[in-house]
PDB file of all heavy atoms in Angstrom:
ATOM      1  N   ILE A   1       7.181  -3.697  12.308  1.00  0.00           N
ATOM      2  CA  ILE A   1       6.665  -2.805  11.267  1.00  0.00           C
ATOM      3  C   ILE A   1       7.387  -3.130   9.967  1.00  0.00           C
ATOM      4  O   ILE A   1       8.613  -3.086   9.900  1.00  0.00           O
ATOM      5  CB  ILE A   1       6.897  -1.327  11.642  1.00  0.00           C
ATOM      6  CG1 ILE A   1       6.240  -0.994  12.990  1.00  0.00           C
ATOM      7  CG2 ILE A   1       6.368  -0.410  10.536  1.00  0.00           C
ATOM      8  CD1 ILE A   1       6.656   0.352  13.572  1.00  0.00           C
ATOM      9  N   THR A   2       6.620  -3.456   8.944  1.00  0.00           N
ATOM     10  CA  THR A   2       7.173  -3.770   7.630  1.00  0.00           C
ATOM     11  C   THR A   2       6.732  -2.687   6.656  1.00  0.00           C
ATOM     12  O   THR A   2       5.545  -2.366   6.580  1.00  0.00           O
ATOM     13  CB  THR A   2       6.666  -5.143   7.130  1.00  0.00           C
ATOM     14  OG1 THR A   2       7.066  -6.141   8.074  1.00  0.00           O
ATOM     15  CG2 THR A   2       7.225  -5.468   5.756  1.00  0.00           C
ATOM     16  N   VAL A   3       7.698  -2.133   5.915  1.00  0.00           N
ATOM     17  CA  VAL A   3       7.406  -1.063   4.956  1.00  0.00           C
ATOM     18  C   VAL A   3       7.762  -1.542   3.553  1.00  0.00           C
ATOM     19  O   VAL A   3       8.853  -2.068   3.329  1.00  0.00           O
ATOM     20  CB  VAL A   3       8.201   0.219   5.285  1.00  0.00           C
ATOM     21  CG1 VAL A   3       7.928   1.313   4.262  1.00  0.00           C
ATOM     22  CG2 VAL A   3       7.866   0.710   6.695  1.00  0.00           C
ATOM     23  N   ALA A   4       6.840  -1.361   2.636  1.00  0.00           N
ATOM     24  CA  ALA A   4       7.074  -1.675   1.220  1.00  0.00           C
ATOM     25  C   ALA A   4       6.837  -0.407   0.402  1.00  0.00           C
ATOM     26  O   ALA A   4       5.912   0.355   0.684  1.00  0.00           O
ATOM     27  CB  ALA A   4       6.122  -2.780   0.758  1.00  0.00           C
ATOM     28  N   TRP A   5       7.685  -0.182  -0.575  1.00  0.00           N
ATOM     29  CA  TRP A   5       7.556   0.992  -1.456  1.00  0.00           C
ATOM     30  C   TRP A   5       7.102   0.544  -2.837  1.00  0.00           C
ATOM     31  O   TRP A   5       7.589  -0.463  -3.362  1.00  0.00           O
ATOM     32  CB  TRP A   5       8.894   1.718  -1.562  1.00  0.00           C
ATOM     33  CG  TRP A   5       9.218   2.505  -0.333  1.00  0.00           C
ATOM     34  CD1 TRP A   5       9.877   2.057   0.772  1.00  0.00           C
ATOM     35  CD2 TRP A   5       8.881   3.871  -0.071  1.00  0.00           C
ATOM     36  NE1 TRP A   5       9.980   3.063   1.707  1.00  0.00           N
ATOM     37  CE2 TRP A   5       9.373   4.190   1.214  1.00  0.00           C
ATOM     38  CE3 TRP A   5       8.210   4.850  -0.793  1.00  0.00           C
ATOM     39  CZ2 TRP A   5       9.212   5.442   1.784  1.00  0.00           C
ATOM     40  CZ3 TRP A   5       8.062   6.108  -0.225  1.00  0.00           C
ATOM     41  CH2 TRP A   5       8.557   6.396   1.052  1.00  0.00           C
ATOM     42  N   VAL A   6       6.164   1.288  -3.408  1.00  0.00           N
ATOM     43  CA  VAL A   6       5.659   1.033  -4.752  1.00  0.00           C
ATOM     44  C   VAL A   6       5.780   2.328  -5.561  1.00  0.00           C
ATOM     45  O   VAL A   6       5.960   3.406  -4.989  1.00  0.00           O
ATOM     46  CB  VAL A   6       4.196   0.537  -4.723  1.00  0.00           C
ATOM     47  CG1 VAL A   6       4.089  -0.790  -4.000  1.00  0.00           C
ATOM     48  CG2 VAL A   6       3.277   1.569  -4.088  1.00  0.00           C
ATOM     49  N   PRO A   7       5.671   2.248  -6.892  1.00  0.00           N
ATOM     50  CA  PRO A   7       5.857   3.461  -7.697  1.00  0.00           C
ATOM     51  C   PRO A   7       4.887   4.600  -7.378  1.00  0.00           C
ATOM     52  O   PRO A   7       5.308   5.755  -7.267  1.00  0.00           O
ATOM     53  CB  PRO A   7       5.666   2.962  -9.133  1.00  0.00           C
ATOM     54  CG  PRO A   7       6.036   1.516  -9.073  1.00  0.00           C
ATOM     55  CD  PRO A   7       5.571   1.048  -7.732  1.00  0.00           C
ATOM     56  N   GLY A   8       3.600   4.305  -7.246  1.00  0.00           N
ATOM     57  CA  GLY A   8       2.627   5.365  -7.002  1.00  0.00           C
ATOM     58  C   GLY A   8       1.457   4.858  -6.184  1.00  0.00           C
ATOM     59  O   GLY A   8       1.348   3.659  -5.892  1.00  0.00           O
ATOM     60  N   SER A   9       0.549   5.750  -5.837  1.00  0.00           N
ATOM     61  CA  SER A   9      -0.606   5.378  -5.014  1.00  0.00           C
ATOM     62  C   SER A   9      -1.465   4.312  -5.679  1.00  0.00           C
ATOM     63  O   SER A   9      -2.029   3.448  -5.005  1.00  0.00           O
ATOM     64  CB  SER A   9      -1.450   6.616  -4.710  1.00  0.00           C
ATOM     65  OG  SER A   9      -0.736   7.489  -3.864  1.00  0.00           O
ATOM     66  N   PHE A  10      -1.567   4.354  -6.999  1.00  0.00           N
ATOM     67  CA  PHE A  10      -2.391   3.379  -7.713  1.00  0.00           C
ATOM     68  C   PHE A  10      -1.879   1.953  -7.520  1.00  0.00           C
ATOM     69  O   PHE A  10      -2.655   1.001  -7.566  1.00  0.00           O
ATOM     70  CB  PHE A  10      -2.445   3.726  -9.211  1.00  0.00           C
ATOM     71  CG  PHE A  10      -3.464   2.937  -9.966  1.00  0.00           C
ATOM     72  CD1 PHE A  10      -4.816   3.251  -9.872  1.00  0.00           C
ATOM     73  CD2 PHE A  10      -3.089   1.880 -10.767  1.00  0.00           C
ATOM     74  CE1 PHE A  10      -5.774   2.514 -10.559  1.00  0.00           C
ATOM     75  CE2 PHE A  10      -4.032   1.134 -11.466  1.00  0.00           C
ATOM     76  CZ  PHE A  10      -5.379   1.458 -11.363  1.00  0.00           C
ATOM     77  N   GLU A  11      -0.596   1.801  -7.274  1.00  0.00           N
ATOM     78  CA  GLU A  11      -0.009   0.469  -7.107  1.00  0.00           C
ATOM     79  C   GLU A  11      -0.101  -0.071  -5.676  1.00  0.00           C
ATOM     80  O   GLU A  11       0.209  -1.238  -5.432  1.00  0.00           O
ATOM     81  CB  GLU A  11       1.457   0.483  -7.554  1.00  0.00           C
ATOM     82  CG  GLU A  11       1.651   0.628  -9.051  1.00  0.00           C
ATOM     83  CD  GLU A  11       1.407   2.029  -9.592  1.00  0.00           C
ATOM     84  OE1 GLU A  11       1.658   3.021  -8.868  1.00  0.00           O
ATOM     85  OE2 GLU A  11       0.960   2.132 -10.755  1.00  0.00           O
ATOM     86  N   THR A  12      -0.514   0.745  -4.727  1.00  0.00           N
ATOM     87  CA  THR A  12      -0.555   0.296  -3.336  1.00  0.00           C
ATOM     88  C   THR A  12      -1.522  -0.861  -3.082  1.00  0.00           C
ATOM     89  O   THR A  12      -1.187  -1.766  -2.309  1.00  0.00           O
ATOM     90  CB  THR A  12      -0.846   1.454  -2.362  1.00  0.00           C
ATOM     91  OG1 THR A  12      -2.083   2.072  -2.708  1.00  0.00           O
ATOM     92  CG2 THR A  12       0.272   2.478  -2.360  1.00  0.00           C
ATOM     93  N   PRO A  13      -2.717  -0.898  -3.688  1.00  0.00           N
ATOM     94  CA  PRO A  13      -3.646  -1.979  -3.345  1.00  0.00           C
ATOM     95  C   PRO A  13      -3.125  -3.390  -3.621  1.00  0.00           C
ATOM     96  O   PRO A  13      -3.394  -4.301  -2.830  1.00  0.00           O
ATOM     97  CB  PRO A  13      -4.889  -1.681  -4.200  1.00  0.00           C
ATOM     98  CG  PRO A  13      -4.844  -0.205  -4.406  1.00  0.00           C
ATOM     99  CD  PRO A  13      -3.378   0.108  -4.541  1.00  0.00           C
ATOM    100  N   LEU A  14      -2.408  -3.589  -4.691  1.00  0.00           N
ATOM    101  CA  LEU A  14      -1.927  -4.939  -5.003  1.00  0.00           C
ATOM    102  C   LEU A  14      -0.987  -5.454  -3.920  1.00  0.00           C
ATOM    103  O   LEU A  14      -1.103  -6.599  -3.472  1.00  0.00           O
ATOM    104  CB  LEU A  14      -1.235  -4.963  -6.365  1.00  0.00           C
ATOM    105  CG  LEU A  14      -0.660  -6.323  -6.783  1.00  0.00           C
ATOM    106  CD1 LEU A  14      -1.760  -7.382  -6.857  1.00  0.00           C
ATOM    107  CD2 LEU A  14       0.068  -6.191  -8.111  1.00  0.00           C
ATOM    108  N   VAL A  15      -0.076  -4.613  -3.474  1.00  0.00           N
ATOM    109  CA  VAL A  15       0.869  -5.033  -2.437  1.00  0.00           C
ATOM    110  C   VAL A  15       0.147  -5.190  -1.103  1.00  0.00           C
ATOM    111  O   VAL A  15       0.415  -6.137  -0.352  1.00  0.00           O
ATOM    112  CB  VAL A  15       2.062  -4.055  -2.354  1.00  0.00           C
ATOM    113  CG1 VAL A  15       2.999  -4.426  -1.218  1.00  0.00           C
ATOM    114  CG2 VAL A  15       2.806  -4.039  -3.686  1.00  0.00           C
ATOM    115  N   ILE A  16      -0.785  -4.309  -0.818  1.00  0.00           N
ATOM    116  CA  ILE A  16      -1.573  -4.439   0.413  1.00  0.00           C
ATOM    117  C   ILE A  16      -2.368  -5.742   0.388  1.00  0.00           C
ATOM    118  O   ILE A  16      -2.456  -6.447   1.393  1.00  0.00           O
ATOM    119  CB  ILE A  16      -2.472  -3.206   0.618  1.00  0.00           C
ATOM    120  CG1 ILE A  16      -1.604  -2.054   1.128  1.00  0.00           C
ATOM    121  CG2 ILE A  16      -3.622  -3.503   1.569  1.00  0.00           C
ATOM    122  CD1 ILE A  16      -2.315  -0.776   1.409  1.00  0.00           C
ATOM    123  N   GLN A  17      -2.929  -6.072  -0.757  1.00  0.00           N
ATOM    124  CA  GLN A  17      -3.677  -7.323  -0.867  1.00  0.00           C
ATOM    125  C   GLN A  17      -2.778  -8.528  -0.581  1.00  0.00           C
ATOM    126  O   GLN A  17      -3.140  -9.431   0.171  1.00  0.00           O
ATOM    127  CB  GLN A  17      -4.298  -7.457  -2.249  1.00  0.00           C
ATOM    128  CG  GLN A  17      -5.097  -8.734  -2.423  1.00  0.00           C
ATOM    129  CD  GLN A  17      -5.709  -8.831  -3.799  1.00  0.00           C
ATOM    130  OE1 GLN A  17      -5.148  -8.373  -4.791  1.00  0.00           O
ATOM    131  NE2 GLN A  17      -6.886  -9.414  -3.856  1.00  0.00           N
ATOM    132  N   ARG A  18      -1.602  -8.542  -1.169  1.00  0.00           N
ATOM    133  CA  ARG A  18      -0.676  -9.663  -0.955  1.00  0.00           C
ATOM    134  C   ARG A  18      -0.284  -9.744   0.524  1.00  0.00           C
ATOM    135  O   ARG A  18      -0.210 -10.838   1.096  1.00  0.00           O
ATOM    136  CB  ARG A  18       0.563  -9.465  -1.824  1.00  0.00           C
ATOM    137  CG  ARG A  18       1.575 -10.574  -1.787  1.00  0.00           C
ATOM    138  CD  ARG A  18       1.131 -11.877  -2.446  1.00  0.00           C
ATOM    139  NE  ARG A  18       0.783 -11.729  -3.842  1.00  0.00           N
ATOM    140  CZ  ARG A  18       1.603 -11.871  -4.873  1.00  0.00           C
ATOM    141  NH1 ARG A  18       2.870 -12.181  -4.656  1.00  0.00           N
ATOM    142  NH2 ARG A  18       1.178 -11.729  -6.094  1.00  0.00           N
ATOM    143  N   MET A  19      -0.042  -8.594   1.148  1.00  0.00           N
ATOM    144  CA  MET A  19       0.319  -8.590   2.566  1.00  0.00           C
ATOM    145  C   MET A  19      -0.851  -9.083   3.417  1.00  0.00           C
ATOM    146  O   MET A  19      -0.658  -9.849   4.363  1.00  0.00           O
ATOM    147  CB  MET A  19       0.766  -7.192   2.987  1.00  0.00           C
ATOM    148  CG  MET A  19       2.097  -6.768   2.363  1.00  0.00           C
ATOM    149  SD  MET A  19       2.498  -5.034   2.668  1.00  0.00           S
ATOM    150  CE  MET A  19       3.475  -5.199   4.162  1.00  0.00           C
ATOM    151  N   ALA A  20      -2.060  -8.659   3.082  1.00  0.00           N
ATOM    152  CA  ALA A  20      -3.245  -9.087   3.837  1.00  0.00           C
ATOM    153  C   ALA A  20      -3.454 -10.587   3.704  1.00  0.00           C
ATOM    154  O   ALA A  20      -3.777 -11.270   4.689  1.00  0.00           O
ATOM    155  CB  ALA A  20      -4.477  -8.331   3.358  1.00  0.00           C
ATOM    156  N   GLN A  21      -3.252 -11.121   2.536  1.00  0.00           N
ATOM    157  CA  GLN A  21      -3.439 -12.552   2.297  1.00  0.00           C
ATOM    158  C   GLN A  21      -2.376 -13.406   2.981  1.00  0.00           C
ATOM    159  O   GLN A  21      -2.595 -14.593   3.222  1.00  0.00           O
ATOM    160  CB  GLN A  21      -3.447 -12.836   0.793  1.00  0.00           C
ATOM    161  CG  GLN A  21      -4.666 -12.290   0.087  1.00  0.00           C
ATOM    162  CD  GLN A  21      -4.548 -12.351  -1.431  1.00  0.00           C
ATOM    163  OE1 GLN A  21      -3.457 -12.427  -1.988  1.00  0.00           O
ATOM    164  NE2 GLN A  21      -5.688 -12.298  -2.099  1.00  0.00           N
ATOM    165  N   SER A  22      -1.250 -12.810   3.313  1.00  0.00           N
ATOM    166  CA  SER A  22      -0.160 -13.563   3.937  1.00  0.00           C
ATOM    167  C   SER A  22      -0.490 -14.043   5.340  1.00  0.00           C
ATOM    168  O   SER A  22       0.120 -14.978   5.841  1.00  0.00           O
ATOM    169  CB  SER A  22       1.118 -12.709   3.990  1.00  0.00           C
ATOM    170  OG  SER A  22       1.021 -11.742   5.036  1.00  0.00           O
ATOM    171  N   GLY A  23      -1.429 -13.374   6.003  1.00  0.00           N
ATOM    172  CA  GLY A  23      -1.772 -13.728   7.368  1.00  0.00           C
ATOM    173  C   GLY A  23      -0.748 -13.275   8.395  1.00  0.00           C
ATOM    174  O   GLY A  23      -0.833 -13.636   9.559  1.00  0.00           O
ATOM    175  N   LYS A  24       0.214 -12.466   7.984  1.00  0.00           N
ATOM    176  CA  LYS A  24       1.293 -12.042   8.884  1.00  0.00           C
ATOM    177  C   LYS A  24       1.061 -10.677   9.525  1.00  0.00           C
ATOM    178  O   LYS A  24       1.886 -10.240  10.321  1.00  0.00           O
ATOM    179  CB  LYS A  24       2.617 -12.020   8.123  1.00  0.00           C
ATOM    180  CG  LYS A  24       3.063 -13.381   7.655  1.00  0.00           C
ATOM    181  CD  LYS A  24       4.373 -13.310   6.913  1.00  0.00           C
ATOM    182  CE  LYS A  24       4.796 -14.699   6.452  1.00  0.00           C
ATOM    183  NZ  LYS A  24       6.064 -14.676   5.720  1.00  0.00           N
ATOM    184  N   PHE A  25      -0.030 -10.005   9.175  1.00  0.00           N
ATOM    185  CA  PHE A  25      -0.227  -8.637   9.649  1.00  0.00           C
ATOM    186  C   PHE A  25      -1.562  -8.488  10.366  1.00  0.00           C
ATOM    187  O   PHE A  25      -2.574  -9.042   9.949  1.00  0.00           O
ATOM    188  CB  PHE A  25      -0.150  -7.654   8.479  1.00  0.00           C
ATOM    189  CG  PHE A  25       1.193  -7.666   7.804  1.00  0.00           C
ATOM    190  CD1 PHE A  25       1.421  -8.453   6.686  1.00  0.00           C
ATOM    191  CD2 PHE A  25       2.250  -6.929   8.307  1.00  0.00           C
ATOM    192  CE1 PHE A  25       2.662  -8.498   6.068  1.00  0.00           C
ATOM    193  CE2 PHE A  25       3.495  -6.971   7.704  1.00  0.00           C
ATOM    194  CZ  PHE A  25       3.700  -7.754   6.585  1.00  0.00           C
ATOM    195  N   ASP A  26      -1.539  -7.687  11.435  1.00  0.00           N
ATOM    196  CA  ASP A  26      -2.765  -7.370  12.168  1.00  0.00           C
ATOM    197  C   ASP A  26      -3.495  -6.199  11.530  1.00  0.00           C
ATOM    198  O   ASP A  26      -4.718  -6.084  11.680  1.00  0.00           O
ATOM    199  CB  ASP A  26      -2.429  -7.027  13.628  1.00  0.00           C
ATOM    200  CG  ASP A  26      -1.840  -8.219  14.354  1.00  0.00           C
ATOM    201  OD1 ASP A  26      -2.531  -9.251  14.440  1.00  0.00           O
ATOM    202  OD2 ASP A  26      -0.680  -8.123  14.811  1.00  0.00           O
ATOM    203  N   ALA A  27      -2.777  -5.334  10.846  1.00  0.00           N
ATOM    204  CA  ALA A  27      -3.376  -4.199  10.144  1.00  0.00           C
ATOM    205  C   ALA A  27      -2.397  -3.705   9.084  1.00  0.00           C
ATOM    206  O   ALA A  27      -1.182  -3.921   9.198  1.00  0.00           O
ATOM    207  CB  ALA A  27      -3.713  -3.063  11.115  1.00  0.00           C
ATOM    208  N   LEU A  28      -2.953  -3.041   8.085  1.00  0.00           N
ATOM    209  CA  LEU A  28      -2.150  -2.497   6.990  1.00  0.00           C
ATOM    210  C   LEU A  28      -2.522  -1.050   6.759  1.00  0.00           C
ATOM    211  O   LEU A  28      -3.672  -0.643   6.953  1.00  0.00           O
ATOM    212  CB  LEU A  28      -2.389  -3.309   5.714  1.00  0.00           C
ATOM    213  CG  LEU A  28      -1.968  -4.769   5.821  1.00  0.00           C
ATOM    214  CD1 LEU A  28      -2.619  -5.605   4.747  1.00  0.00           C
ATOM    215  CD2 LEU A  28      -0.452  -4.873   5.746  1.00  0.00           C
ATOM    216  N   ILE A  29      -1.529  -0.287   6.317  1.00  0.00           N
ATOM    217  CA  ILE A  29      -1.725   1.147   6.067  1.00  0.00           C
ATOM    218  C   ILE A  29      -1.193   1.457   4.673  1.00  0.00           C
ATOM    219  O   ILE A  29      -0.074   1.065   4.333  1.00  0.00           O
ATOM    220  CB  ILE A  29      -0.959   2.007   7.091  1.00  0.00           C
ATOM    221  CG1 ILE A  29      -1.378   1.659   8.521  1.00  0.00           C
ATOM    222  CG2 ILE A  29      -1.146   3.497   6.794  1.00  0.00           C
ATOM    223  CD1 ILE A  29      -0.447   2.218   9.587  1.00  0.00           C
ATOM    224  N   GLY A  30      -1.985   2.150   3.883  1.00  0.00           N
ATOM    225  CA  GLY A  30      -1.529   2.623   2.580  1.00  0.00           C
ATOM    226  C   GLY A  30      -1.261   4.110   2.653  1.00  0.00           C
ATOM    227  O   GLY A  30      -2.145   4.886   3.028  1.00  0.00           O
ATOM    228  N   LEU A  31      -0.041   4.530   2.319  1.00  0.00           N
ATOM    229  CA  LEU A  31       0.331   5.944   2.370  1.00  0.00           C
ATOM    230  C   LEU A  31       0.702   6.436   0.974  1.00  0.00           C
ATOM    231  O   LEU A  31       1.435   5.774   0.242  1.00  0.00           O
ATOM    232  CB  LEU A  31       1.524   6.165   3.296  1.00  0.00           C
ATOM    233  CG  LEU A  31       1.333   5.810   4.771  1.00  0.00           C
ATOM    234  CD1 LEU A  31       2.629   6.045   5.537  1.00  0.00           C
ATOM    235  CD2 LEU A  31       0.191   6.610   5.380  1.00  0.00           C
ATOM    236  N   GLY A  32       0.211   7.603   0.632  1.00  0.00           N
ATOM    237  CA  GLY A  32       0.541   8.232  -0.633  1.00  0.00           C
ATOM    238  C   GLY A  32       0.066   9.669  -0.618  1.00  0.00           C
ATOM    239  O   GLY A  32      -0.656  10.095   0.282  1.00  0.00           O
ATOM    240  N   VAL A  33       0.477  10.405  -1.631  1.00  0.00           N
ATOM    241  CA  VAL A  33       0.024  11.785  -1.799  1.00  0.00           C
ATOM    242  C   VAL A  33      -0.347  11.965  -3.267  1.00  0.00           C
ATOM    243  O   VAL A  33       0.487  11.753  -4.145  1.00  0.00           O
ATOM    244  CB  VAL A  33       1.105  12.802  -1.380  1.00  0.00           C
ATOM    245  CG1 VAL A  33       0.657  14.223  -1.693  1.00  0.00           C
ATOM    246  CG2 VAL A  33       1.427  12.666   0.107  1.00  0.00           C
ATOM    247  N   VAL A  34      -1.598  12.331  -3.486  1.00  0.00           N
ATOM    248  CA  VAL A  34      -2.093  12.583  -4.834  1.00  0.00           C
ATOM    249  C   VAL A  34      -2.519  14.043  -4.895  1.00  0.00           C
ATOM    250  O   VAL A  34      -3.403  14.469  -4.150  1.00  0.00           O
ATOM    251  CB  VAL A  34      -3.273  11.652  -5.180  1.00  0.00           C
ATOM    252  CG1 VAL A  34      -3.774  11.930  -6.588  1.00  0.00           C
ATOM    253  CG2 VAL A  34      -2.870  10.195  -5.022  1.00  0.00           C
ATOM    254  N   ILE A  35      -1.866  14.797  -5.759  1.00  0.00           N
ATOM    255  CA  ILE A  35      -2.147  16.236  -5.889  1.00  0.00           C
ATOM    256  C   ILE A  35      -2.903  16.462  -7.193  1.00  0.00           C
ATOM    257  O   ILE A  35      -2.457  16.040  -8.262  1.00  0.00           O
ATOM    258  CB  ILE A  35      -0.840  17.050  -5.862  1.00  0.00           C
ATOM    259  CG1 ILE A  35      -0.086  16.781  -4.548  1.00  0.00           C
ATOM    260  CG2 ILE A  35      -1.130  18.543  -6.029  1.00  0.00           C
ATOM    261  CD1 ILE A  35       1.312  17.355  -4.494  1.00  0.00           C
ATOM    262  N   GLN A  36      -4.034  17.130  -7.092  1.00  0.00           N
ATOM    263  CA  GLN A  36      -4.871  17.405  -8.261  1.00  0.00           C
ATOM    264  C   GLN A  36      -4.107  18.249  -9.273  1.00  0.00           C
ATOM    265  O   GLN A  36      -3.488  19.238  -8.922  1.00  0.00           O
ATOM    266  CB  GLN A  36      -6.144  18.146  -7.836  1.00  0.00           C
ATOM    267  CG  GLN A  36      -7.094  18.449  -8.965  1.00  0.00           C
ATOM    268  CD  GLN A  36      -7.665  17.181  -9.596  1.00  0.00           C
ATOM    269  OE1 GLN A  36      -8.160  16.306  -8.916  1.00  0.00           O
ATOM    270  NE2 GLN A  36      -7.570  17.088 -10.904  1.00  0.00           N
ATOM    271  N   GLY A  37      -4.170  17.828 -10.502  1.00  0.00           N
ATOM    272  CA  GLY A  37      -3.562  18.590 -11.591  1.00  0.00           C
ATOM    273  C   GLY A  37      -4.652  19.184 -12.463  1.00  0.00           C
ATOM    274  O   GLY A  37      -5.788  19.380 -12.022  1.00  0.00           O
ATOM    275  N   ALA A  38      -4.329  19.415 -13.721  1.00  0.00           N
ATOM    276  CA  ALA A  38      -5.272  20.035 -14.650  1.00  0.00           C
ATOM    277  C   ALA A  38      -6.327  19.055 -15.161  1.00  0.00           C
ATOM    278  O   ALA A  38      -7.344  19.472 -15.700  1.00  0.00           O
ATOM    279  CB  ALA A  38      -4.510  20.629 -15.827  1.00  0.00           C
TER     280      ALA A  38
END
């Protein structure tokens, strides 16, 4: 299990893309929490 931290949910796709392109992972999970504001 490899865990990478990014600043916010918006930044998760770029790192997930790089991990997916590496060919080293069978599956990827993006975790974040976005709370509605005003």
